[in-house]
N, C-alpha and C. Protein backbone atom coordinates (compact mmCIF):
# COMPACT_ATOMS: atom_id res chain seq x y z
N UNK A 1 -7.56 -15.26 58.32
CA UNK A 1 -7.07 -14.94 56.80
C UNK A 1 -6.85 -13.31 56.64
N UNK A 2 -5.68 -13.29 56.30
CA UNK A 2 -4.93 -11.95 55.67
C UNK A 2 -6.08 -11.59 54.06
N UNK A 3 -6.09 -10.68 53.75
CA UNK A 3 -7.00 -9.66 52.38
C UNK A 3 -5.97 -10.15 51.44
N UNK A 4 -4.01 -10.38 51.63
CA UNK A 4 -3.61 -11.48 50.83
C UNK A 4 -3.91 -12.65 50.41
N UNK A 5 -3.56 -13.40 51.44
CA UNK A 5 -4.73 -14.97 51.54
C UNK A 5 -5.65 -14.67 50.91
N UNK A 6 -6.73 -13.44 51.17
CA UNK A 6 -8.35 -14.12 50.49
C UNK A 6 -7.73 -13.42 48.77
N UNK A 7 -6.65 -12.50 48.31
CA UNK A 7 -6.74 -12.58 47.13
C UNK A 7 -6.32 -13.40 46.71
N UNK A 8 -5.26 -14.69 47.24
CA UNK A 8 -4.50 -15.67 46.46
C UNK A 8 -6.26 -16.60 46.44
N UNK A 9 -6.47 -16.82 47.07
CA UNK A 9 -8.10 -17.43 47.38
C UNK A 9 -8.45 -17.37 46.22
N UNK A 10 -8.62 -15.77 46.10
CA UNK A 10 -9.68 -15.78 44.58
C UNK A 10 -9.36 -15.95 43.34
N UNK A 11 -7.59 -16.09 42.82
CA UNK A 11 -6.93 -16.13 41.93
C UNK A 11 -7.65 -17.36 41.26
N UNK A 12 -7.36 -18.39 42.81
CA UNK A 12 -7.51 -19.64 42.44
C UNK A 12 -8.86 -20.15 42.48
N UNK A 13 -10.15 -19.61 42.81
CA UNK A 13 -11.50 -19.81 42.25
C UNK A 13 -11.95 -19.01 41.29
N UNK A 14 -11.07 -18.20 40.86
CA UNK A 14 -10.95 -17.69 39.11
C UNK A 14 -10.50 -18.81 38.20
N UNK A 15 -9.51 -20.16 38.41
CA UNK A 15 -8.88 -20.76 38.13
C UNK A 15 -7.61 -20.10 37.33
N UNK A 16 -7.05 -18.95 38.31
CA UNK A 16 -5.99 -18.15 36.95
C UNK A 16 -4.42 -18.31 38.48
N UNK A 17 -3.21 -19.60 37.76
CA UNK A 17 -2.62 -19.77 38.25
C UNK A 17 -1.77 -18.99 37.41
N UNK A 18 -1.50 -18.04 37.29
CA UNK A 18 -0.27 -16.99 36.88
C UNK A 18 0.21 -16.01 36.90
N UNK A 19 0.31 -15.30 37.13
CA UNK A 19 0.57 -13.71 37.73
C UNK A 19 0.66 -13.08 36.19
N UNK A 20 -0.55 -12.02 36.20
CA UNK A 20 0.02 -11.17 35.12
C UNK A 20 -0.72 -10.44 34.76
N UNK A 21 -1.41 -9.20 34.29
CA UNK A 21 -2.02 -7.19 34.11
C UNK A 21 -3.42 -8.44 35.03
N UNK A 22 -4.32 -9.53 34.61
CA UNK A 22 -5.71 -9.87 34.75
C UNK A 22 -5.64 -10.10 36.09
N UNK A 23 -4.66 -10.13 37.35
CA UNK A 23 -5.25 -10.20 38.30
C UNK A 23 -5.78 -9.09 38.98
N UNK A 24 -5.10 -8.10 38.83
CA UNK A 24 -6.22 -6.70 38.83
C UNK A 24 -7.52 -7.20 39.04
N UNK A 25 -7.80 -7.51 38.02
CA UNK A 25 -9.47 -7.92 37.67
C UNK A 25 -10.36 -8.90 38.26
N UNK A 26 -9.62 -9.88 38.93
CA UNK A 26 -9.94 -10.13 40.00
C UNK A 26 -10.50 -9.69 40.98
N UNK A 27 -8.93 -9.05 41.64
CA UNK A 27 -9.03 -7.98 42.46
C UNK A 27 -9.90 -6.85 42.62
N UNK A 28 -10.60 -7.04 41.03
CA UNK A 28 -11.16 -5.63 41.10
C UNK A 28 -12.46 -6.65 42.22
N UNK A 29 -13.30 -7.56 40.70
CA UNK A 29 -14.30 -8.17 41.58
C UNK A 29 -14.50 -8.71 43.12
N UNK A 30 -13.19 -9.02 43.77
CA UNK A 30 -12.73 -8.92 45.36
C UNK A 30 -13.54 -7.68 46.07
N UNK A 31 -13.10 -6.55 45.48
CA UNK A 31 -13.20 -5.48 46.17
C UNK A 31 -14.32 -5.08 46.42
N UNK A 32 -14.99 -5.69 45.28
CA UNK A 32 -17.00 -5.01 44.97
C UNK A 32 -17.11 -6.37 45.78
N UNK A 33 -17.04 -7.84 45.79
CA UNK A 33 -17.88 -7.91 46.95
C UNK A 33 -17.72 -7.88 48.37
N UNK A 34 -16.21 -7.26 48.56
CA UNK A 34 -16.22 -6.69 50.14
C UNK A 34 -16.99 -5.44 50.68
N UNK A 35 -17.34 -4.51 49.19
CA UNK A 35 -17.79 -3.33 49.31
C UNK A 35 -19.55 -3.55 49.41
N UNK A 36 -20.06 -4.85 48.67
CA UNK A 36 -21.08 -4.80 49.31
C UNK A 36 -21.82 -5.80 50.56
N UNK A 37 -20.95 -6.42 50.39
CA UNK A 37 -20.52 -7.25 52.42
C UNK A 37 -20.96 -5.81 52.81
N UNK A 38 -20.25 -4.64 53.05
CA UNK A 38 -20.43 -3.29 53.67
C UNK A 38 -21.67 -2.73 53.62
N UNK A 39 -22.10 -2.70 52.77
CA UNK A 39 -23.58 -1.95 52.00
C UNK A 39 -24.49 -2.77 52.65
N UNK A 40 -24.28 -4.19 53.11
CA UNK A 40 -25.50 -4.67 54.00
C UNK A 40 -25.59 -4.69 55.26
N UNK A 41 -24.22 -4.33 55.63
CA UNK A 41 -23.88 -3.74 56.63
C UNK A 41 -22.70 -5.05 57.94
N UNK A 42 -22.48 -5.08 56.81
CA UNK A 42 -21.42 -6.28 57.90
C UNK A 42 -20.46 -5.00 58.24
N UNK A 43 -20.11 -5.37 58.84
CA UNK A 43 -18.69 -4.12 60.26
C UNK A 43 -17.21 -4.20 59.72
N UNK A 44 -16.92 -3.08 59.67
CA UNK A 44 -15.22 -3.52 58.81
C UNK A 44 -14.17 -4.57 59.39
N UNK A 45 -14.60 -4.97 60.53
CA UNK A 45 -13.81 -5.65 61.95
C UNK A 45 -14.31 -7.10 61.19
N UNK A 46 -14.61 -8.03 60.50
CA UNK A 46 -14.96 -9.02 59.37
C UNK A 46 -14.37 -8.93 58.44
N UNK A 47 -14.18 -7.86 57.84
CA UNK A 47 -14.26 -7.79 56.65
C UNK A 47 -12.53 -7.43 56.38
N UNK A 48 -11.43 -6.63 57.95
CA UNK A 48 -10.19 -6.52 56.96
C UNK A 48 -9.66 -7.96 57.02
N UNK A 49 -9.44 -9.22 58.01
CA UNK A 49 -8.55 -10.22 58.06
C UNK A 49 -9.94 -10.60 58.20
N UNK A 50 -10.88 -11.38 56.57
CA UNK A 50 -12.30 -12.54 57.42
C UNK A 50 -11.29 -13.61 57.45
N UNK A 51 -12.45 -13.82 58.76
CA UNK A 51 -12.11 -15.37 59.44
C UNK A 51 -12.95 -16.50 58.97
N UNK A 52 -14.55 -15.53 59.12
CA UNK A 52 -16.26 -16.63 59.00
C UNK A 52 -16.36 -16.71 57.52
N UNK A 53 -16.39 -18.17 57.57
CA UNK A 53 -16.47 -18.99 56.52
C UNK A 53 -17.99 -18.54 55.87
N UNK A 54 -18.54 -17.58 55.97
CA UNK A 54 -19.48 -17.01 55.07
C UNK A 54 -19.19 -16.15 54.23
N UNK A 55 -18.11 -15.14 54.84
CA UNK A 55 -17.96 -13.86 54.36
C UNK A 55 -17.00 -14.33 53.30
N UNK A 56 -15.99 -15.04 53.17
CA UNK A 56 -15.12 -15.94 52.61
C UNK A 56 -15.75 -16.36 51.46
N UNK A 57 -16.91 -16.93 51.98
CA UNK A 57 -17.63 -17.68 50.14
C UNK A 57 -18.09 -16.27 49.71
N UNK A 58 -18.48 -15.31 50.05
CA UNK A 58 -19.27 -14.72 49.61
C UNK A 58 -18.70 -14.24 48.75
N UNK A 59 -17.40 -13.54 48.94
CA UNK A 59 -16.39 -13.04 48.07
C UNK A 59 -15.90 -13.98 46.81
N UNK A 60 -15.90 -15.05 48.06
CA UNK A 60 -14.93 -15.81 45.86
C UNK A 60 -15.95 -16.52 45.88
N UNK A 61 -17.23 -16.52 45.60
CA UNK A 61 -18.68 -17.29 44.72
C UNK A 61 -18.55 -15.37 44.43
N UNK A 62 -18.93 -14.63 44.67
CA UNK A 62 -19.26 -13.26 43.72
C UNK A 62 -18.18 -13.48 42.54
N UNK A 63 -16.30 -13.76 43.30
CA UNK A 63 -15.29 -13.25 41.99
C UNK A 63 -15.74 -14.59 40.73
N UNK A 64 -15.68 -15.70 41.23
CA UNK A 64 -16.14 -17.13 40.30
C UNK A 64 -17.05 -16.60 39.35
N UNK A 65 -17.99 -16.57 40.14
CA UNK A 65 -19.57 -15.93 39.30
C UNK A 65 -19.15 -14.59 38.28
N UNK A 66 -18.21 -14.15 38.26
CA UNK A 66 -18.16 -12.64 37.56
C UNK A 66 -16.79 -12.57 36.82
N UNK A 67 -15.59 -13.50 37.23
CA UNK A 67 -14.37 -13.55 36.73
C UNK A 67 -14.11 -13.54 35.33
N UNK A 68 -15.05 -14.44 34.73
CA UNK A 68 -15.24 -14.95 33.67
C UNK A 68 -16.20 -15.60 32.87
N UNK A 69 -17.15 -14.41 32.54
CA UNK A 69 -18.60 -15.32 33.34
C UNK A 69 -18.47 -16.24 32.67
N UNK A 70 -19.37 -17.28 32.73
CA UNK A 70 -20.18 -18.36 31.58
C UNK A 70 -21.25 -19.06 31.85
N UNK A 71 -21.70 -19.95 31.36
CA UNK A 71 -22.57 -20.83 32.00
C UNK A 71 -23.29 -21.06 33.53
N UNK A 72 -22.02 -21.11 34.03
CA UNK A 72 -22.55 -21.27 35.71
C UNK A 72 -23.08 -19.70 36.63
N UNK A 73 -23.04 -18.66 35.12
CA UNK A 73 -23.20 -17.37 35.86
C UNK A 73 -24.30 -16.99 36.65
N UNK A 74 -25.15 -17.50 36.13
CA UNK A 74 -26.33 -17.51 36.84
C UNK A 74 -26.49 -18.05 38.26
N UNK A 75 -26.18 -19.28 38.42
CA UNK A 75 -26.42 -20.29 39.34
C UNK A 75 -25.79 -19.47 40.90
N UNK A 76 -24.35 -19.32 40.26
CA UNK A 76 -22.89 -18.82 40.98
C UNK A 76 -23.53 -17.24 41.80
N UNK A 77 -24.47 -16.68 41.53
CA UNK A 77 -24.74 -15.55 41.67
C UNK A 77 -26.44 -16.08 42.29
N UNK A 78 -26.71 -16.69 42.28
CA UNK A 78 -28.06 -17.46 43.00
C UNK A 78 -27.70 -17.83 44.51
N UNK A 79 -26.44 -18.38 44.30
CA UNK A 79 -25.90 -18.89 45.38
C UNK A 79 -24.93 -17.52 45.44
N UNK A 80 -24.39 -16.77 45.34
CA UNK A 80 -23.99 -15.27 46.24
C UNK A 80 -25.17 -14.96 46.84
N UNK A 81 -26.27 -14.33 46.24
CA UNK A 81 -27.50 -13.97 46.84
C UNK A 81 -28.06 -14.55 48.17
N UNK A 82 -27.37 -16.07 47.37
CA UNK A 82 -28.37 -17.20 49.11
C UNK A 82 -27.58 -16.89 49.83
N UNK A 83 -26.01 -16.44 50.48
CA UNK A 83 -24.88 -16.47 51.23
C UNK A 83 -25.56 -15.36 51.80
N UNK A 84 -25.92 -13.85 51.06
CA UNK A 84 -26.20 -12.28 51.45
C UNK A 84 -27.21 -13.24 51.93
N UNK A 85 -28.18 -13.48 51.87
CA UNK A 85 -29.42 -13.66 53.05
C UNK A 85 -29.07 -14.35 53.95
N UNK A 86 -28.18 -14.67 54.21
CA UNK A 86 -27.55 -15.84 55.94
C UNK A 86 -26.28 -14.33 56.10
N UNK A 87 -25.88 -13.95 55.88
CA UNK A 87 -25.28 -12.73 56.26
C UNK A 87 -25.85 -12.22 57.24
N UNK A 88 -26.87 -11.42 56.17
CA UNK A 88 -27.59 -10.38 56.79
C UNK A 88 -28.84 -10.63 58.06
N UNK A 89 -28.88 -12.03 58.38
CA UNK A 89 -29.13 -12.89 59.80
C UNK A 89 -28.67 -13.10 60.73
N UNK A 90 -27.27 -12.72 60.23
CA UNK A 90 -26.36 -13.32 61.22
C UNK A 90 -25.80 -11.53 62.03
N UNK A 91 -25.19 -11.66 63.49
CA UNK A 91 -24.29 -11.39 63.99
C UNK A 91 -23.10 -10.16 63.37
N UNK A 92 -22.97 -9.29 61.93
CA UNK A 92 -21.98 -8.74 61.45
C UNK A 92 -21.77 -7.27 61.96
N UNK A 93 -22.53 -6.81 63.32
CA UNK A 93 -22.62 -5.60 63.48
C UNK A 93 -21.06 -4.90 64.18
N UNK A 94 -20.53 -4.28 64.04
CA UNK A 94 -19.37 -4.22 65.09
C UNK A 94 -19.65 -4.47 66.90
N UNK A 95 -18.47 -5.10 66.85
CA UNK A 95 -18.15 -5.59 68.46
C UNK A 95 -18.16 -4.40 69.53
N UNK A 96 -17.60 -3.29 69.32
CA UNK A 96 -17.80 -2.33 69.23
C UNK A 96 -18.14 -2.39 70.41
C-alpha cells in the first residue's frame, strides 16, 4: 500500500467522503500515528509503503479514534494501544 492509498483509506475510516480543507486534519492524525510507530521502534522500511496489516490497522485505528472524537474514542484508543503492544513484540526492526 502506498502512502497515498493509506491516506485514502484513512479518509474512509474517518467516514470522510469529500475532499476539502479538513483532509489535512486527517493526514495530520495519520502522520502522528506513523511517528508513534517510529517511536516504538518500527523501521522506516515498514512505514514507507506499509503492507503489514498490523501497521495499517494501527494507523487507521488512530485516525478513527482521533479525527472526530465521539463516544468510541476510549475504546478505539484501547484498540490502538493493544495493536502497538503486538507490534512491539514483532520483528519490525530494519532488515539491513
